[in-house]
Amino acid sequence: MRENIGFALMCFGVIFDAVGCVGLIRLPDLYNRLQASLKCVAMGTSLILLGTMVIAGLSPLSAKAFLCLLFILIISPTTEHALARASYIGGVKLWKKSVVDKFKEDIDKS
């Protein structure tokens, strides 16, 4: 039973990763692609690691998967934010049909 739950979690994780990869190809600009990759990593890879933890039970492999999960959930949003901010400051333009530029509004307020 535990293996079935673990494999189901892993399958859902692979589906999220596949949808994230399609988003990386289909979305129009860097900022949208960054969001797709963050969702892909945060949800897909986390589900795969959770499935690994369920299958492994209480073992060193499960502890390693948990540490990787924590590392990914802390580091991934931080790096995505840094990449988006550096890209914006570096002059990468938003998609031409973008409606709102909140970062510019925040800079103008300062």
N, C-alpha and C. Protein backbone atom coordinates (compact mmCIF):
# COMPACT_ATOMS: atom_id res chain seq x y z
N MET A 1 0.82 -1.21 0.00
CA MET A 1 0.00 0.00 0.00
C MET A 1 0.86 1.26 0.00
N ARG A 2 1.93 1.21 0.82
CA ARG A 2 2.81 2.37 0.90
C ARG A 2 3.48 2.66 -0.44
N GLU A 3 3.85 1.59 -1.16
CA GLU A 3 4.49 1.77 -2.46
C GLU A 3 3.53 2.41 -3.46
N ASN A 4 2.26 2.02 -3.40
CA ASN A 4 1.27 2.59 -4.33
C ASN A 4 1.09 4.08 -4.09
N ILE A 5 1.03 4.48 -2.83
CA ILE A 5 0.90 5.91 -2.51
C ILE A 5 2.14 6.67 -2.96
N GLY A 6 3.31 6.08 -2.71
CA GLY A 6 4.56 6.71 -3.13
C GLY A 6 4.65 6.87 -4.64
N PHE A 7 4.27 5.81 -5.37
CA PHE A 7 4.32 5.90 -6.83
C PHE A 7 3.28 6.89 -7.36
N ALA A 8 2.12 6.98 -6.71
CA ALA A 8 1.11 7.96 -7.13
C ALA A 8 1.65 9.38 -6.94
N LEU A 9 2.28 9.64 -5.79
CA LEU A 9 2.88 10.96 -5.57
C LEU A 9 3.95 11.25 -6.62
N MET A 10 4.76 10.26 -6.92
CA MET A 10 5.81 10.46 -7.93
C MET A 10 5.21 10.72 -9.31
N CYS A 11 4.14 10.02 -9.65
CA CYS A 11 3.49 10.24 -10.95
C CYS A 11 2.92 11.65 -11.05
N PHE A 12 2.26 12.11 -9.97
CA PHE A 12 1.75 13.48 -9.97
C PHE A 12 2.91 14.48 -10.10
N GLY A 13 4.02 14.19 -9.45
CA GLY A 13 5.19 15.06 -9.56
C GLY A 13 5.74 15.12 -10.97
N VAL A 14 5.79 13.98 -11.63
CA VAL A 14 6.26 13.96 -13.02
C VAL A 14 5.30 14.73 -13.92
N ILE A 15 4.00 14.62 -13.66
CA ILE A 15 3.01 15.37 -14.45
C ILE A 15 3.22 16.87 -14.26
N PHE A 16 3.42 17.31 -13.01
CA PHE A 16 3.68 18.74 -12.76
C PHE A 16 4.97 19.18 -13.46
N ASP A 17 5.99 18.35 -13.41
CA ASP A 17 7.24 18.71 -14.09
C ASP A 17 7.04 18.81 -15.60
N ALA A 18 6.26 17.89 -16.17
CA ALA A 18 6.01 17.93 -17.62
C ALA A 18 5.23 19.18 -18.01
N VAL A 19 4.23 19.54 -17.20
CA VAL A 19 3.46 20.76 -17.48
C VAL A 19 4.37 21.99 -17.35
N GLY A 20 5.26 21.97 -16.37
CA GLY A 20 6.21 23.08 -16.23
C GLY A 20 7.15 23.19 -17.42
N CYS A 21 7.56 22.06 -17.97
CA CYS A 21 8.42 22.08 -19.16
C CYS A 21 7.67 22.64 -20.37
N VAL A 22 6.41 22.29 -20.50
CA VAL A 22 5.60 22.86 -21.59
C VAL A 22 5.47 24.36 -21.39
N GLY A 23 5.29 24.79 -20.13
CA GLY A 23 5.21 26.22 -19.84
C GLY A 23 6.49 26.95 -20.20
N LEU A 24 7.63 26.31 -19.98
CA LEU A 24 8.90 26.94 -20.35
C LEU A 24 9.01 27.15 -21.85
N ILE A 25 8.40 26.28 -22.60
CA ILE A 25 8.46 26.41 -24.06
C ILE A 25 7.42 27.40 -24.57
N ARG A 26 6.22 27.35 -24.00
CA ARG A 26 5.09 28.09 -24.56
C ARG A 26 4.92 29.53 -24.07
N LEU A 27 5.40 29.83 -22.88
CA LEU A 27 5.15 31.16 -22.32
C LEU A 27 5.99 32.23 -23.02
N PRO A 28 5.49 33.47 -23.07
CA PRO A 28 6.07 34.48 -23.96
C PRO A 28 7.35 35.16 -23.50
N ASP A 29 7.55 35.35 -22.20
CA ASP A 29 8.74 36.10 -21.81
C ASP A 29 9.42 35.45 -20.61
N LEU A 30 10.56 36.02 -20.26
CA LEU A 30 11.41 35.48 -19.21
C LEU A 30 10.68 35.37 -17.88
N TYR A 31 9.91 36.37 -17.54
CA TYR A 31 9.28 36.42 -16.23
C TYR A 31 8.19 35.36 -16.09
N ASN A 32 7.42 35.15 -17.12
CA ASN A 32 6.42 34.08 -17.10
C ASN A 32 7.10 32.71 -17.07
N ARG A 33 8.18 32.57 -17.79
CA ARG A 33 8.91 31.30 -17.78
C ARG A 33 9.53 31.02 -16.43
N LEU A 34 10.01 32.07 -15.76
CA LEU A 34 10.54 31.87 -14.42
C LEU A 34 9.45 31.37 -13.47
N GLN A 35 8.26 31.92 -13.60
CA GLN A 35 7.16 31.46 -12.74
C GLN A 35 6.81 30.02 -13.03
N ALA A 36 6.79 29.64 -14.31
CA ALA A 36 6.49 28.25 -14.66
C ALA A 36 7.55 27.32 -14.10
N SER A 37 8.80 27.72 -14.18
CA SER A 37 9.85 26.85 -13.66
C SER A 37 9.78 26.75 -12.14
N LEU A 38 9.42 27.82 -11.46
CA LEU A 38 9.29 27.77 -10.01
C LEU A 38 8.16 26.83 -9.60
N LYS A 39 7.03 26.92 -10.27
CA LYS A 39 5.92 26.02 -9.95
C LYS A 39 6.30 24.58 -10.24
N CYS A 40 7.02 24.38 -11.32
CA CYS A 40 7.46 23.05 -11.71
C CYS A 40 8.36 22.47 -10.62
N VAL A 41 9.34 23.22 -10.19
CA VAL A 41 10.27 22.73 -9.18
C VAL A 41 9.59 22.58 -7.83
N ALA A 42 8.85 23.59 -7.43
CA ALA A 42 8.25 23.56 -6.11
C ALA A 42 7.24 22.43 -5.96
N MET A 43 6.39 22.25 -6.93
CA MET A 43 5.35 21.23 -6.79
C MET A 43 5.81 19.88 -7.32
N GLY A 44 6.34 19.85 -8.53
CA GLY A 44 6.70 18.58 -9.15
C GLY A 44 7.81 17.85 -8.43
N THR A 45 8.91 18.53 -8.23
CA THR A 45 10.05 17.89 -7.58
C THR A 45 9.75 17.58 -6.12
N SER A 46 8.97 18.43 -5.47
CA SER A 46 8.59 18.16 -4.09
C SER A 46 7.74 16.90 -3.98
N LEU A 47 6.81 16.72 -4.92
CA LEU A 47 5.99 15.51 -4.90
C LEU A 47 6.83 14.26 -5.18
N ILE A 48 7.79 14.37 -6.07
CA ILE A 48 8.67 13.24 -6.34
C ILE A 48 9.47 12.88 -5.09
N LEU A 49 9.99 13.89 -4.40
CA LEU A 49 10.73 13.62 -3.18
C LEU A 49 9.84 13.08 -2.07
N LEU A 50 8.61 13.59 -1.97
CA LEU A 50 7.66 13.04 -0.99
C LEU A 50 7.34 11.58 -1.30
N GLY A 51 7.16 11.25 -2.56
CA GLY A 51 6.93 9.86 -2.94
C GLY A 51 8.11 8.98 -2.57
N THR A 52 9.31 9.50 -2.76
CA THR A 52 10.50 8.75 -2.37
C THR A 52 10.52 8.52 -0.86
N MET A 53 10.15 9.54 -0.10
CA MET A 53 10.11 9.40 1.35
C MET A 53 9.08 8.37 1.79
N VAL A 54 7.92 8.36 1.14
CA VAL A 54 6.87 7.40 1.50
C VAL A 54 7.33 5.98 1.19
N ILE A 55 7.94 5.79 0.03
CA ILE A 55 8.39 4.45 -0.35
C ILE A 55 9.52 3.98 0.55
N ALA A 56 10.45 4.87 0.87
CA ALA A 56 11.63 4.48 1.66
C ALA A 56 11.30 4.25 3.13
N GLY A 57 10.22 4.84 3.62
CA GLY A 57 9.91 4.69 5.04
C GLY A 57 10.92 5.46 5.89
N LEU A 58 11.13 4.99 7.11
CA LEU A 58 12.13 5.62 7.98
C LEU A 58 13.50 5.02 7.68
N SER A 59 14.25 5.73 6.87
CA SER A 59 15.57 5.25 6.46
C SER A 59 16.46 6.45 6.16
N PRO A 60 17.75 6.20 5.98
CA PRO A 60 18.64 7.31 5.59
C PRO A 60 18.24 7.94 4.26
N LEU A 61 17.71 7.15 3.34
CA LEU A 61 17.26 7.69 2.05
C LEU A 61 16.11 8.69 2.26
N SER A 62 15.20 8.36 3.14
CA SER A 62 14.09 9.26 3.44
C SER A 62 14.59 10.55 4.08
N ALA A 63 15.58 10.45 4.96
CA ALA A 63 16.15 11.66 5.58
C ALA A 63 16.82 12.54 4.52
N LYS A 64 17.54 11.92 3.59
CA LYS A 64 18.19 12.68 2.52
C LYS A 64 17.16 13.35 1.61
N ALA A 65 16.08 12.63 1.31
CA ALA A 65 15.02 13.20 0.48
C ALA A 65 14.37 14.38 1.19
N PHE A 66 14.18 14.27 2.50
CA PHE A 66 13.60 15.37 3.28
C PHE A 66 14.51 16.59 3.27
N LEU A 67 15.81 16.37 3.44
CA LEU A 67 16.76 17.50 3.40
C LEU A 67 16.78 18.15 2.02
N CYS A 68 16.73 17.35 0.98
CA CYS A 68 16.68 17.90 -0.38
C CYS A 68 15.40 18.70 -0.58
N LEU A 69 14.29 18.20 -0.05
CA LEU A 69 13.01 18.90 -0.15
C LEU A 69 13.08 20.26 0.54
N LEU A 70 13.62 20.29 1.74
CA LEU A 70 13.77 21.57 2.45
C LEU A 70 14.67 22.52 1.69
N PHE A 71 15.78 22.00 1.18
CA PHE A 71 16.72 22.83 0.43
C PHE A 71 16.05 23.42 -0.81
N ILE A 72 15.31 22.61 -1.53
CA ILE A 72 14.64 23.08 -2.75
C ILE A 72 13.59 24.13 -2.43
N LEU A 73 12.80 23.90 -1.37
CA LEU A 73 11.74 24.84 -1.03
C LEU A 73 12.28 26.17 -0.50
N ILE A 74 13.49 26.18 0.02
CA ILE A 74 14.08 27.43 0.50
C ILE A 74 14.85 28.14 -0.62
N ILE A 75 15.64 27.41 -1.36
CA ILE A 75 16.55 28.00 -2.34
C ILE A 75 15.85 28.39 -3.64
N SER A 76 14.90 27.58 -4.10
CA SER A 76 14.28 27.83 -5.40
C SER A 76 13.57 29.18 -5.48
N PRO A 77 12.70 29.55 -4.55
CA PRO A 77 12.06 30.88 -4.65
C PRO A 77 13.07 32.02 -4.53
N THR A 78 14.09 31.81 -3.72
CA THR A 78 15.10 32.85 -3.55
C THR A 78 15.87 33.10 -4.84
N THR A 79 16.27 32.03 -5.50
CA THR A 79 17.01 32.19 -6.76
C THR A 79 16.12 32.74 -7.87
N GLU A 80 14.86 32.31 -7.91
CA GLU A 80 13.94 32.83 -8.91
C GLU A 80 13.75 34.34 -8.73
N HIS A 81 13.61 34.78 -7.50
CA HIS A 81 13.45 36.20 -7.22
C HIS A 81 14.71 36.97 -7.64
N ALA A 82 15.86 36.43 -7.31
CA ALA A 82 17.11 37.10 -7.68
C ALA A 82 17.28 37.18 -9.20
N LEU A 83 16.94 36.10 -9.89
CA LEU A 83 17.03 36.11 -11.36
C LEU A 83 16.07 37.12 -11.98
N ALA A 84 14.84 37.15 -11.48
CA ALA A 84 13.85 38.09 -12.03
C ALA A 84 14.26 39.53 -11.76
N ARG A 85 14.72 39.81 -10.56
CA ARG A 85 15.12 41.17 -10.21
C ARG A 85 16.33 41.62 -11.03
N ALA A 86 17.32 40.75 -11.15
CA ALA A 86 18.51 41.08 -11.94
C ALA A 86 18.16 41.26 -13.41
N SER A 87 17.26 40.45 -13.92
CA SER A 87 16.84 40.59 -15.31
C SER A 87 16.12 41.91 -15.54
N TYR A 88 15.26 42.28 -14.60
CA TYR A 88 14.51 43.53 -14.74
C TYR A 88 15.47 44.72 -14.69
N ILE A 89 16.36 44.71 -13.73
CA ILE A 89 17.33 45.81 -13.60
C ILE A 89 18.27 45.83 -14.79
N GLY A 90 18.58 44.65 -15.33
CA GLY A 90 19.45 44.56 -16.49
C GLY A 90 18.81 44.98 -17.80
N GLY A 91 17.49 45.19 -17.78
CA GLY A 91 16.83 45.72 -18.97
C GLY A 91 16.03 44.73 -19.79
N VAL A 92 15.80 43.53 -19.28
CA VAL A 92 14.96 42.58 -20.01
C VAL A 92 13.52 43.07 -19.95
N LYS A 93 12.93 43.27 -21.09
CA LYS A 93 11.59 43.86 -21.19
C LYS A 93 10.51 42.83 -20.87
N LEU A 94 9.39 43.34 -20.35
CA LEU A 94 8.21 42.52 -20.16
C LEU A 94 7.60 42.20 -21.52
N TRP A 95 6.73 41.21 -21.54
CA TRP A 95 6.00 40.87 -22.74
C TRP A 95 5.18 42.08 -23.16
N LYS A 96 5.07 42.33 -24.46
CA LYS A 96 4.41 43.55 -24.94
C LYS A 96 2.94 43.63 -24.55
N LYS A 97 2.29 42.50 -24.25
CA LYS A 97 0.89 42.53 -23.84
C LYS A 97 0.72 42.50 -22.31
N SER A 98 1.82 42.69 -21.59
CA SER A 98 1.72 42.74 -20.12
C SER A 98 0.93 43.96 -19.71
N VAL A 99 0.11 43.82 -18.69
CA VAL A 99 -0.79 44.88 -18.28
C VAL A 99 -0.22 45.68 -17.12
N VAL A 100 0.40 45.02 -16.16
CA VAL A 100 0.84 45.68 -14.93
C VAL A 100 2.33 45.44 -14.73
N ASP A 101 3.02 46.48 -14.29
CA ASP A 101 4.43 46.38 -13.94
C ASP A 101 4.58 46.88 -12.49
N LYS A 102 4.36 45.99 -11.55
CA LYS A 102 4.36 46.36 -10.13
C LYS A 102 5.75 46.80 -9.67
N PHE A 103 6.79 46.19 -10.19
CA PHE A 103 8.13 46.55 -9.76
C PHE A 103 8.45 48.00 -10.13
N LYS A 104 8.04 48.42 -11.32
CA LYS A 104 8.25 49.80 -11.73
C LYS A 104 7.45 50.75 -10.84
N GLU A 105 6.22 50.36 -10.50
CA GLU A 105 5.41 51.19 -9.60
C GLU A 105 6.08 51.33 -8.24
N ASP A 106 6.66 50.25 -7.74
CA ASP A 106 7.35 50.31 -6.45
C ASP A 106 8.59 51.18 -6.51
N ILE A 107 9.31 51.12 -7.63
CA ILE A 107 10.50 51.95 -7.79
C ILE A 107 10.10 53.41 -7.89
N ASP A 108 9.03 53.72 -8.61
CA ASP A 108 8.56 55.09 -8.77
C ASP A 108 8.12 55.70 -7.44
N LYS A 109 7.56 54.89 -6.54
CA LYS A 109 7.12 55.37 -5.24
C LYS A 109 8.31 55.78 -4.36
N SER A 110 9.41 55.07 -4.52
CA SER A 110 10.59 55.32 -3.67
C SER A 110 11.27 56.62 -3.96
